[in-house]
Amino acid sequence: MGDFQQFLPIVLMFVVVYLFMIRPQMQRQKKEKQFAADLKKGDRVITKSGLHAKIFEISEKNDAVVLETTAGKLTFDRSSISLELSRKLNAPAETVSKAK
């Protein structure tokens, strides 16, 4: 029983690290993967670098999207599209004002 009590603080520390750091990161990655898979032609998006555009074409072969902007068409990886910024862009005006 004494040996178990020595390791109890270490075990609790690993549980806390898992619950507050590892698990939320895994859930976020899962949401981002689902978001990238659900992209479709015509969606308005914002890239992680801040480019506002509309999806013109999706290339499954290259895992890329062709974005249409006022300057022309650009090709980006699906992973470069920001989940948070794109959701804010497409959210109704009431939701955005309530979030502030």
PDB file of N, CA and C in Angstrom:
ATOM      1  N   MET A   1       0.819  -1.193   0.000  1.00  0.00           N
ATOM      2  CA  MET A   1       0.000   0.000   0.000  1.00  0.00           C
ATOM      3  C   MET A   1       0.862   1.255   0.000  1.00  0.00           C
ATOM      4  N   GLY A   2       1.993   1.215   0.677  1.00  0.00           N
ATOM      5  CA  GLY A   2       2.882   2.372   0.747  1.00  0.00           C
ATOM      6  C   GLY A   2       3.495   2.714  -0.605  1.00  0.00           C
ATOM      7  N   ASP A   3       3.788   1.691  -1.434  1.00  0.00           N
ATOM      8  CA  ASP A   3       4.360   1.936  -2.753  1.00  0.00           C
ATOM      9  C   ASP A   3       3.362   2.673  -3.651  1.00  0.00           C
ATOM     10  N   PHE A   4       2.103   2.298  -3.557  1.00  0.00           N
ATOM     11  CA  PHE A   4       1.071   2.936  -4.378  1.00  0.00           C
ATOM     12  C   PHE A   4       0.920   4.412  -4.008  1.00  0.00           C
ATOM     13  N   GLN A   5       0.997   4.716  -2.734  1.00  0.00           N
ATOM     14  CA  GLN A   5       0.834   6.096  -2.287  1.00  0.00           C
ATOM     15  C   GLN A   5       2.000   6.978  -2.740  1.00  0.00           C
ATOM     16  N   GLN A   6       3.160   6.388  -2.970  1.00  0.00           N
ATOM     17  CA  GLN A   6       4.291   7.152  -3.473  1.00  0.00           C
ATOM     18  C   GLN A   6       4.034   7.611  -4.908  1.00  0.00           C
ATOM     19  N   PHE A   7       3.397   6.764  -5.706  1.00  0.00           N
ATOM     20  CA  PHE A   7       3.172   7.066  -7.114  1.00  0.00           C
ATOM     21  C   PHE A   7       1.848   7.781  -7.383  1.00  0.00           C
ATOM     22  N   LEU A   8       1.009   7.895  -6.395  1.00  0.00           N
ATOM     23  CA  LEU A   8      -0.287   8.535  -6.567  1.00  0.00           C
ATOM     24  C   LEU A   8      -0.177   9.981  -7.069  1.00  0.00           C
ATOM     25  N   PRO A   9       0.697  10.830  -6.531  1.00  0.00           N
ATOM     26  CA  PRO A   9       0.810  12.199  -7.063  1.00  0.00           C
ATOM     27  C   PRO A   9       1.236  12.231  -8.535  1.00  0.00           C
ATOM     28  N   ILE A  10       2.109  11.335  -8.938  1.00  0.00           N
ATOM     29  CA  ILE A  10       2.561  11.278 -10.331  1.00  0.00           C
ATOM     30  C   ILE A  10       1.413  10.837 -11.240  1.00  0.00           C
ATOM     31  N   VAL A  11       0.650   9.854 -10.804  1.00  0.00           N
ATOM     32  CA  VAL A  11      -0.495   9.383 -11.579  1.00  0.00           C
ATOM     33  C   VAL A  11      -1.536  10.500 -11.713  1.00  0.00           C
ATOM     34  N   LEU A  12      -1.806  11.196 -10.626  1.00  0.00           N
ATOM     35  CA  LEU A  12      -2.754  12.304 -10.675  1.00  0.00           C
ATOM     36  C   LEU A  12      -2.272  13.421 -11.596  1.00  0.00           C
ATOM     37  N   MET A  13      -0.975  13.667 -11.606  1.00  0.00           N
ATOM     38  CA  MET A  13      -0.416  14.687 -12.474  1.00  0.00           C
ATOM     39  C   MET A  13      -0.637  14.314 -13.950  1.00  0.00           C
ATOM     40  N   PHE A  14      -0.430  13.049 -14.303  1.00  0.00           N
ATOM     41  CA  PHE A  14      -0.663  12.600 -15.679  1.00  0.00           C
ATOM     42  C   PHE A  14      -2.136  12.714 -16.052  1.00  0.00           C
ATOM     43  N   VAL A  15      -3.027  12.417 -15.123  1.00  0.00           N
ATOM     44  CA  VAL A  15      -4.465  12.525 -15.395  1.00  0.00           C
ATOM     45  C   VAL A  15      -4.840  13.986 -15.657  1.00  0.00           C
ATOM     46  N   VAL A  16      -4.323  14.892 -14.853  1.00  0.00           N
ATOM     47  CA  VAL A  16      -4.614  16.314 -15.031  1.00  0.00           C
ATOM     48  C   VAL A  16      -4.062  16.817 -16.368  1.00  0.00           C
ATOM     49  N   VAL A  17      -2.846  16.433 -16.707  1.00  0.00           N
ATOM     50  CA  VAL A  17      -2.249  16.840 -17.983  1.00  0.00           C
ATOM     51  C   VAL A  17      -3.085  16.316 -19.144  1.00  0.00           C
ATOM     52  N   TYR A  18      -3.536  15.087 -19.057  1.00  0.00           N
ATOM     53  CA  TYR A  18      -4.364  14.516 -20.123  1.00  0.00           C
ATOM     54  C   TYR A  18      -5.673  15.278 -20.259  1.00  0.00           C
ATOM     55  N   LEU A  19      -6.348  15.526 -19.139  1.00  0.00           N
ATOM     56  CA  LEU A  19      -7.660  16.165 -19.191  1.00  0.00           C
ATOM     57  C   LEU A  19      -7.605  17.624 -19.633  1.00  0.00           C
ATOM     58  N   PHE A  20      -6.567  18.348 -19.257  1.00  0.00           N
ATOM     59  CA  PHE A  20      -6.526  19.766 -19.553  1.00  0.00           C
ATOM     60  C   PHE A  20      -5.660  20.149 -20.746  1.00  0.00           C
ATOM     61  N   MET A  21      -4.817  19.239 -21.242  1.00  0.00           N
ATOM     62  CA  MET A  21      -3.942  19.602 -22.349  1.00  0.00           C
ATOM     63  C   MET A  21      -4.093  18.674 -23.546  1.00  0.00           C
ATOM     64  N   ILE A  22      -3.991  17.403 -23.346  1.00  0.00           N
ATOM     65  CA  ILE A  22      -3.956  16.467 -24.465  1.00  0.00           C
ATOM     66  C   ILE A  22      -5.337  16.266 -25.076  1.00  0.00           C
ATOM     67  N   ARG A  23      -6.337  16.005 -24.258  1.00  0.00           N
ATOM     68  CA  ARG A  23      -7.682  15.725 -24.769  1.00  0.00           C
ATOM     69  C   ARG A  23      -8.290  16.908 -25.528  1.00  0.00           C
ATOM     70  N   PRO A  24      -8.222  18.143 -25.021  1.00  0.00           N
ATOM     71  CA  PRO A  24      -8.759  19.267 -25.803  1.00  0.00           C
ATOM     72  C   PRO A  24      -8.057  19.453 -27.149  1.00  0.00           C
ATOM     73  N   GLN A  25      -6.748  19.214 -27.186  1.00  0.00           N
ATOM     74  CA  GLN A  25      -6.014  19.335 -28.444  1.00  0.00           C
ATOM     75  C   GLN A  25      -6.464  18.271 -29.443  1.00  0.00           C
ATOM     76  N   MET A  26      -6.705  17.061 -28.980  1.00  0.00           N
ATOM     77  CA  MET A  26      -7.186  15.989 -29.854  1.00  0.00           C
ATOM     78  C   MET A  26      -8.571  16.323 -30.396  1.00  0.00           C
ATOM     79  N   GLN A  27      -9.441  16.882 -29.558  1.00  0.00           N
ATOM     80  CA  GLN A  27     -10.780  17.259 -30.007  1.00  0.00           C
ATOM     81  C   GLN A  27     -10.710  18.375 -31.045  1.00  0.00           C
ATOM     82  N   ARG A  28      -9.822  19.329 -30.841  1.00  0.00           N
ATOM     83  CA  ARG A  28      -9.665  20.417 -31.808  1.00  0.00           C
ATOM     84  C   ARG A  28      -9.166  19.891 -33.145  1.00  0.00           C
ATOM     85  N   GLN A  29      -8.200  18.978 -33.129  1.00  0.00           N
ATOM     86  CA  GLN A  29      -7.695  18.401 -34.366  1.00  0.00           C
ATOM     87  C   GLN A  29      -8.792  17.640 -35.104  1.00  0.00           C
ATOM     88  N   LYS A  30      -9.624  16.953 -34.354  1.00  0.00           N
ATOM     89  CA  LYS A  30     -10.728  16.200 -34.953  1.00  0.00           C
ATOM     90  C   LYS A  30     -11.714  17.156 -35.633  1.00  0.00           C
ATOM     91  N   LYS A  31     -12.036  18.279 -34.978  1.00  0.00           N
ATOM     92  CA  LYS A  31     -12.940  19.273 -35.565  1.00  0.00           C
ATOM     93  C   LYS A  31     -12.348  19.881 -36.832  1.00  0.00           C
ATOM     94  N   GLU A  32     -11.047  20.181 -36.808  1.00  0.00           N
ATOM     95  CA  GLU A  32     -10.402  20.766 -37.980  1.00  0.00           C
ATOM     96  C   GLU A  32     -10.379  19.793 -39.149  1.00  0.00           C
ATOM     97  N   LYS A  33     -10.132  18.514 -38.880  1.00  0.00           N
ATOM     98  CA  LYS A  33     -10.170  17.500 -39.934  1.00  0.00           C
ATOM     99  C   LYS A  33     -11.562  17.400 -40.542  1.00  0.00           C
ATOM    100  N   GLN A  34     -12.580  17.401 -39.695  1.00  0.00           N
ATOM    101  CA  GLN A  34     -13.963  17.312 -40.170  1.00  0.00           C
ATOM    102  C   GLN A  34     -14.318  18.549 -40.993  1.00  0.00           C
ATOM    103  N   PHE A  35     -13.887  19.722 -40.532  1.00  0.00           N
ATOM    104  CA  PHE A  35     -14.139  20.968 -41.255  1.00  0.00           C
ATOM    105  C   PHE A  35     -13.507  20.913 -42.642  1.00  0.00           C
ATOM    106  N   ALA A  36     -12.253  20.463 -42.732  1.00  0.00           N
ATOM    107  CA  ALA A  36     -11.570  20.375 -44.025  1.00  0.00           C
ATOM    108  C   ALA A  36     -12.253  19.364 -44.945  1.00  0.00           C
ATOM    109  N   ALA A  37     -12.764  18.285 -44.382  1.00  0.00           N
ATOM    110  CA  ALA A  37     -13.448  17.275 -45.192  1.00  0.00           C
ATOM    111  C   ALA A  37     -14.810  17.765 -45.671  1.00  0.00           C
ATOM    112  N   ASP A  38     -15.456  18.640 -44.914  1.00  0.00           N
ATOM    113  CA  ASP A  38     -16.798  19.127 -45.253  1.00  0.00           C
ATOM    114  C   ASP A  38     -16.792  20.325 -46.202  1.00  0.00           C
ATOM    115  N   LEU A  39     -15.623  20.832 -46.563  1.00  0.00           N
ATOM    116  CA  LEU A  39     -15.577  21.980 -47.463  1.00  0.00           C
ATOM    117  C   LEU A  39     -16.204  21.615 -48.803  1.00  0.00           C
ATOM    118  N   LYS A  40     -16.929  22.583 -49.380  1.00  0.00           N
ATOM    119  CA  LYS A  40     -17.557  22.329 -50.674  1.00  0.00           C
ATOM    120  C   LYS A  40     -17.452  23.582 -51.535  1.00  0.00           C
ATOM    121  N   LYS A  41     -17.678  23.418 -52.805  1.00  0.00           N
ATOM    122  CA  LYS A  41     -17.594  24.510 -53.760  1.00  0.00           C
ATOM    123  C   LYS A  41     -18.593  25.602 -53.377  1.00  0.00           C
ATOM    124  N   GLY A  42     -18.133  26.845 -53.394  1.00  0.00           N
ATOM    125  CA  GLY A  42     -18.992  27.979 -53.079  1.00  0.00           C
ATOM    126  C   GLY A  42     -18.889  28.463 -51.643  1.00  0.00           C
ATOM    127  N   ASP A  43     -18.247  27.708 -50.755  1.00  0.00           N
ATOM    128  CA  ASP A  43     -18.086  28.133 -49.363  1.00  0.00           C
ATOM    129  C   ASP A  43     -17.173  29.356 -49.285  1.00  0.00           C
ATOM    130  N   ARG A  44     -17.543  30.301 -48.440  1.00  0.00           N
ATOM    131  CA  ARG A  44     -16.685  31.452 -48.173  1.00  0.00           C
ATOM    132  C   ARG A  44     -15.766  31.082 -47.015  1.00  0.00           C
ATOM    133  N   VAL A  45     -14.461  31.284 -47.200  1.00  0.00           N
ATOM    134  CA  VAL A  45     -13.481  30.884 -46.196  1.00  0.00           C
ATOM    135  C   VAL A  45     -12.436  31.980 -46.005  1.00  0.00           C
ATOM    136  N   ILE A  46     -11.686  31.826 -44.922  1.00  0.00           N
ATOM    137  CA  ILE A  46     -10.529  32.671 -44.651  1.00  0.00           C
ATOM    138  C   ILE A  46      -9.359  31.737 -44.377  1.00  0.00           C
ATOM    139  N   THR A  47      -8.236  31.988 -45.025  1.00  0.00           N
ATOM    140  CA  THR A  47      -7.062  31.157 -44.780  1.00  0.00           C
ATOM    141  C   THR A  47      -6.388  31.598 -43.491  1.00  0.00           C
ATOM    142  N   LYS A  48      -5.473  30.798 -43.003  1.00  0.00           N
ATOM    143  CA  LYS A  48      -4.757  31.130 -41.768  1.00  0.00           C
ATOM    144  C   LYS A  48      -3.884  32.365 -41.950  1.00  0.00           C
ATOM    145  N   SER A  49      -3.551  32.687 -43.193  1.00  0.00           N
ATOM    146  CA  SER A  49      -2.762  33.889 -43.453  1.00  0.00           C
ATOM    147  C   SER A  49      -3.642  35.125 -43.618  1.00  0.00           C
ATOM    148  N   GLY A  50      -4.979  34.944 -43.605  1.00  0.00           N
ATOM    149  CA  GLY A  50      -5.889  36.078 -43.638  1.00  0.00           C
ATOM    150  C   GLY A  50      -6.527  36.368 -44.982  1.00  0.00           C
ATOM    151  N   LEU A  51      -6.359  35.520 -45.965  1.00  0.00           N
ATOM    152  CA  LEU A  51      -6.934  35.721 -47.288  1.00  0.00           C
ATOM    153  C   LEU A  51      -8.420  35.350 -47.281  1.00  0.00           C
ATOM    154  N   HIS A  52      -9.279  36.270 -47.662  1.00  0.00           N
ATOM    155  CA  HIS A  52     -10.716  36.021 -47.771  1.00  0.00           C
ATOM    156  C   HIS A  52     -11.000  35.573 -49.195  1.00  0.00           C
ATOM    157  N   ALA A  53     -11.738  34.464 -49.348  1.00  0.00           N
ATOM    158  CA  ALA A  53     -12.003  33.947 -50.684  1.00  0.00           C
ATOM    159  C   ALA A  53     -13.212  33.029 -50.671  1.00  0.00           C
ATOM    160  N   LYS A  54     -13.567  32.591 -51.874  1.00  0.00           N
ATOM    161  CA  LYS A  54     -14.646  31.631 -52.045  1.00  0.00           C
ATOM    162  C   LYS A  54     -14.048  30.406 -52.738  1.00  0.00           C
ATOM    163  N   ILE A  55     -14.467  29.224 -52.316  1.00  0.00           N
ATOM    164  CA  ILE A  55     -13.916  28.001 -52.902  1.00  0.00           C
ATOM    165  C   ILE A  55     -14.460  27.851 -54.314  1.00  0.00           C
ATOM    166  N   PHE A  56     -13.543  27.755 -55.273  1.00  0.00           N
ATOM    167  CA  PHE A  56     -13.903  27.610 -56.671  1.00  0.00           C
ATOM    168  C   PHE A  56     -13.891  26.147 -57.101  1.00  0.00           C
ATOM    169  N   GLU A  57     -12.913  25.403 -56.578  1.00  0.00           N
ATOM    170  CA  GLU A  57     -12.754  24.008 -56.969  1.00  0.00           C
ATOM    171  C   GLU A  57     -12.022  23.263 -55.859  1.00  0.00           C
ATOM    172  N   ILE A  58     -12.330  21.980 -55.705  1.00  0.00           N
ATOM    173  CA  ILE A  58     -11.657  21.144 -54.709  1.00  0.00           C
ATOM    174  C   ILE A  58     -10.946  20.013 -55.430  1.00  0.00           C
ATOM    175  N   SER A  59      -9.665  19.859 -55.170  1.00  0.00           N
ATOM    176  CA  SER A  59      -8.865  18.812 -55.788  1.00  0.00           C
ATOM    177  C   SER A  59      -8.597  17.715 -54.762  1.00  0.00           C
ATOM    178  N   GLU A  60      -9.263  16.585 -54.912  1.00  0.00           N
ATOM    179  CA  GLU A  60      -9.056  15.455 -53.996  1.00  0.00           C
ATOM    180  C   GLU A  60      -7.671  14.844 -54.196  1.00  0.00           C
ATOM    181  N   LYS A  61      -7.185  14.882 -55.425  1.00  0.00           N
ATOM    182  CA  LYS A  61      -5.890  14.270 -55.747  1.00  0.00           C
ATOM    183  C   LYS A  61      -4.736  14.953 -55.004  1.00  0.00           C
ATOM    184  N   ASN A  62      -4.759  16.272 -54.962  1.00  0.00           N
ATOM    185  CA  ASN A  62      -3.683  17.032 -54.313  1.00  0.00           C
ATOM    186  C   ASN A  62      -4.034  17.459 -52.899  1.00  0.00           C
ATOM    187  N   ASP A  63      -5.247  17.132 -52.438  1.00  0.00           N
ATOM    188  CA  ASP A  63      -5.749  17.575 -51.139  1.00  0.00           C
ATOM    189  C   ASP A  63      -5.624  19.091 -51.018  1.00  0.00           C
ATOM    190  N   ALA A  64      -6.084  19.760 -52.087  1.00  0.00           N
ATOM    191  CA  ALA A  64      -5.977  21.210 -52.166  1.00  0.00           C
ATOM    192  C   ALA A  64      -7.308  21.801 -52.601  1.00  0.00           C
ATOM    193  N   VAL A  65      -7.419  23.109 -52.451  1.00  0.00           N
ATOM    194  CA  VAL A  65      -8.593  23.839 -52.910  1.00  0.00           C
ATOM    195  C   VAL A  65      -8.127  25.014 -53.765  1.00  0.00           C
ATOM    196  N   VAL A  66      -8.918  25.335 -54.773  1.00  0.00           N
ATOM    197  CA  VAL A  66      -8.665  26.513 -55.595  1.00  0.00           C
ATOM    198  C   VAL A  66      -9.606  27.588 -55.077  1.00  0.00           C
ATOM    199  N   LEU A  67      -9.028  28.694 -54.627  1.00  0.00           N
ATOM    200  CA  LEU A  67      -9.802  29.788 -54.068  1.00  0.00           C
ATOM    201  C   LEU A  67      -9.914  30.913 -55.082  1.00  0.00           C
ATOM    202  N   GLU A  68     -11.111  31.461 -55.194  1.00  0.00           N
ATOM    203  CA  GLU A  68     -11.362  32.561 -56.111  1.00  0.00           C
ATOM    204  C   GLU A  68     -11.398  33.854 -55.311  1.00  0.00           C
ATOM    205  N   THR A  69     -10.529  34.776 -55.670  1.00  0.00           N
ATOM    206  CA  THR A  69     -10.476  36.091 -55.027  1.00  0.00           C
ATOM    207  C   THR A  69     -10.681  37.154 -56.094  1.00  0.00           C
ATOM    208  N   THR A  70     -10.711  38.405 -55.685  1.00  0.00           N
ATOM    209  CA  THR A  70     -10.839  39.482 -56.665  1.00  0.00           C
ATOM    210  C   THR A  70      -9.588  39.591 -57.530  1.00  0.00           C
ATOM    211  N   ALA A  71      -8.465  39.090 -57.041  1.00  0.00           N
ATOM    212  CA  ALA A  71      -7.216  39.151 -57.787  1.00  0.00           C
ATOM    213  C   ALA A  71      -7.024  37.958 -58.722  1.00  0.00           C
ATOM    214  N   GLY A  72      -7.842  36.938 -58.591  1.00  0.00           N
ATOM    215  CA  GLY A  72      -7.699  35.757 -59.437  1.00  0.00           C
ATOM    216  C   GLY A  72      -7.927  34.491 -58.642  1.00  0.00           C
ATOM    217  N   LYS A  73      -7.396  33.392 -59.166  1.00  0.00           N
ATOM    218  CA  LYS A  73      -7.565  32.093 -58.520  1.00  0.00           C
ATOM    219  C   LYS A  73      -6.227  31.635 -57.955  1.00  0.00           C
ATOM    220  N   LEU A  74      -6.277  31.136 -56.714  1.00  0.00           N
ATOM    221  CA  LEU A  74      -5.078  30.663 -56.026  1.00  0.00           C
ATOM    222  C   LEU A  74      -5.328  29.261 -55.495  1.00  0.00           C
ATOM    223  N   THR A  75      -4.293  28.437 -55.456  1.00  0.00           N
ATOM    224  CA  THR A  75      -4.402  27.079 -54.928  1.00  0.00           C
ATOM    225  C   THR A  75      -3.761  27.027 -53.544  1.00  0.00           C
ATOM    226  N   PHE A  76      -4.501  26.470 -52.596  1.00  0.00           N
ATOM    227  CA  PHE A  76      -4.038  26.323 -51.218  1.00  0.00           C
ATOM    228  C   PHE A  76      -4.283  24.899 -50.757  1.00  0.00           C
ATOM    229  N   ASP A  77      -3.486  24.432 -49.798  1.00  0.00           N
ATOM    230  CA  ASP A  77      -3.766  23.162 -49.129  1.00  0.00           C
ATOM    231  C   ASP A  77      -5.026  23.328 -48.290  1.00  0.00           C
ATOM    232  N   ARG A  78      -5.751  22.231 -48.110  1.00  0.00           N
ATOM    233  CA  ARG A  78      -6.951  22.292 -47.268  1.00  0.00           C
ATOM    234  C   ARG A  78      -6.605  22.684 -45.841  1.00  0.00           C
ATOM    235  N   SER A  79      -5.442  22.268 -45.383  1.00  0.00           N
ATOM    236  CA  SER A  79      -5.053  22.543 -44.001  1.00  0.00           C
ATOM    237  C   SER A  79      -4.764  24.019 -43.755  1.00  0.00           C
ATOM    238  N   SER A  80      -4.634  24.817 -44.804  1.00  0.00           N
ATOM    239  CA  SER A  80      -4.344  26.239 -44.615  1.00  0.00           C
ATOM    240  C   SER A  80      -5.600  27.078 -44.388  1.00  0.00           C
ATOM    241  N   ILE A  81      -6.774  26.442 -44.435  1.00  0.00           N
ATOM    242  CA  ILE A  81      -8.014  27.176 -44.207  1.00  0.00           C
ATOM    243  C   ILE A  81      -8.330  27.163 -42.719  1.00  0.00           C
ATOM    244  N   SER A  82      -8.600  28.337 -42.178  1.00  0.00           N
ATOM    245  CA  SER A  82      -8.814  28.496 -40.739  1.00  0.00           C
ATOM    246  C   SER A  82     -10.250  28.158 -40.358  1.00  0.00           C
ATOM    247  N   LEU A  83     -10.400  27.245 -39.433  1.00  0.00           N
ATOM    248  CA  LEU A  83     -11.716  26.842 -38.934  1.00  0.00           C
ATOM    249  C   LEU A  83     -12.385  27.996 -38.194  1.00  0.00           C
ATOM    250  N   GLU A  84     -11.695  28.613 -37.247  1.00  0.00           N
ATOM    251  CA  GLU A  84     -12.287  29.657 -36.418  1.00  0.00           C
ATOM    252  C   GLU A  84     -12.665  30.895 -37.233  1.00  0.00           C
ATOM    253  N   LEU A  85     -11.752  31.360 -38.076  1.00  0.00           N
ATOM    254  CA  LEU A  85     -12.018  32.566 -38.853  1.00  0.00           C
ATOM    255  C   LEU A  85     -13.132  32.339 -39.868  1.00  0.00           C
ATOM    256  N   SER A  86     -13.160  31.175 -40.491  1.00  0.00           N
ATOM    257  CA  SER A  86     -14.200  30.871 -41.472  1.00  0.00           C
ATOM    258  C   SER A  86     -15.568  30.763 -40.813  1.00  0.00           C
ATOM    259  N   ARG A  87     -15.618  30.188 -39.625  1.00  0.00           N
ATOM    260  CA  ARG A  87     -16.896  30.105 -38.908  1.00  0.00           C
ATOM    261  C   ARG A  87     -17.401  31.492 -38.537  1.00  0.00           C
ATOM    262  N   LYS A  88     -16.507  32.374 -38.103  1.00  0.00           N
ATOM    263  CA  LYS A  88     -16.913  33.744 -37.770  1.00  0.00           C
ATOM    264  C   LYS A  88     -17.425  34.468 -39.006  1.00  0.00           C
ATOM    265  N   LEU A  89     -16.787  34.247 -40.136  1.00  0.00           N
ATOM    266  CA  LEU A  89     -17.197  34.888 -41.378  1.00  0.00           C
ATOM    267  C   LEU A  89     -18.599  34.449 -41.784  1.00  0.00           C
ATOM    268  N   ASN A  90     -18.904  33.180 -41.629  1.00  0.00           N
ATOM    269  CA  ASN A  90     -20.179  32.623 -42.070  1.00  0.00           C
ATOM    270  C   ASN A  90     -21.261  32.648 -41.003  1.00  0.00           C
ATOM    271  N   ALA A  91     -20.925  33.089 -39.793  1.00  0.00           N
ATOM    272  CA  ALA A  91     -21.913  33.130 -38.709  1.00  0.00           C
ATOM    273  C   ALA A  91     -22.908  34.259 -38.955  1.00  0.00           C
ATOM    274  N   PRO A  92     -24.160  34.065 -38.558  1.00  0.00           N
ATOM    275  CA  PRO A  92     -25.136  35.154 -38.673  1.00  0.00           C
ATOM    276  C   PRO A  92     -24.712  36.349 -37.825  1.00  0.00           C
ATOM    277  N   ALA A  93     -25.154  37.528 -38.202  1.00  0.00           N
ATOM    278  CA  ALA A  93     -24.759  38.768 -37.513  1.00  0.00           C
ATOM    279  C   ALA A  93     -25.166  38.772 -36.056  1.00  0.00           C
ATOM    280  N   GLU A  94     -26.310  38.169 -35.714  1.00  0.00           N
ATOM    281  CA  GLU A  94     -26.784  38.143 -34.321  1.00  0.00           C
ATOM    282  C   GLU A  94     -25.828  37.351 -33.444  1.00  0.00           C
ATOM    283  N   THR A  95     -25.353  36.212 -33.949  1.00  0.00           N
ATOM    284  CA  THR A  95     -24.450  35.370 -33.173  1.00  0.00           C
ATOM    285  C   THR A  95     -23.144  36.076 -32.893  1.00  0.00           C
ATOM    286  N   VAL A  96     -22.611  36.786 -33.874  1.00  0.00           N
ATOM    287  CA  VAL A  96     -21.349  37.487 -33.712  1.00  0.00           C
ATOM    288  C   VAL A  96     -21.496  38.607 -32.691  1.00  0.00           C
ATOM    289  N   SER A  97     -22.600  39.359 -32.732  1.00  0.00           N
ATOM    290  CA  SER A  97     -22.769  40.455 -31.776  1.00  0.00           C
ATOM    291  C   SER A  97     -22.984  39.952 -30.360  1.00  0.00           C
ATOM    292  N   LYS A  98     -23.617  38.785 -30.194  1.00  0.00           N
ATOM    293  CA  LYS A  98     -23.812  38.211 -28.863  1.00  0.00           C
ATOM    294  C   LYS A  98     -22.510  37.689 -28.278  1.00  0.00           C
ATOM    295  N   ALA A  99     -21.584  37.232 -29.141  1.00  0.00           N
ATOM    296  CA  ALA A  99     -20.327  36.676 -28.675  1.00  0.00           C
ATOM    297  C   ALA A  99     -19.409  37.749 -28.112  1.00  0.00           C
ATOM    298  N   LYS A 100     -19.588  38.975 -28.519  1.00  0.00           N
ATOM    299  CA  LYS A 100     -18.702  40.056 -28.045  1.00  0.00           C
ATOM    300  C   LYS A 100     -19.041  40.461 -26.694  1.00  0.00           C
TER     301      LYS A 100
END
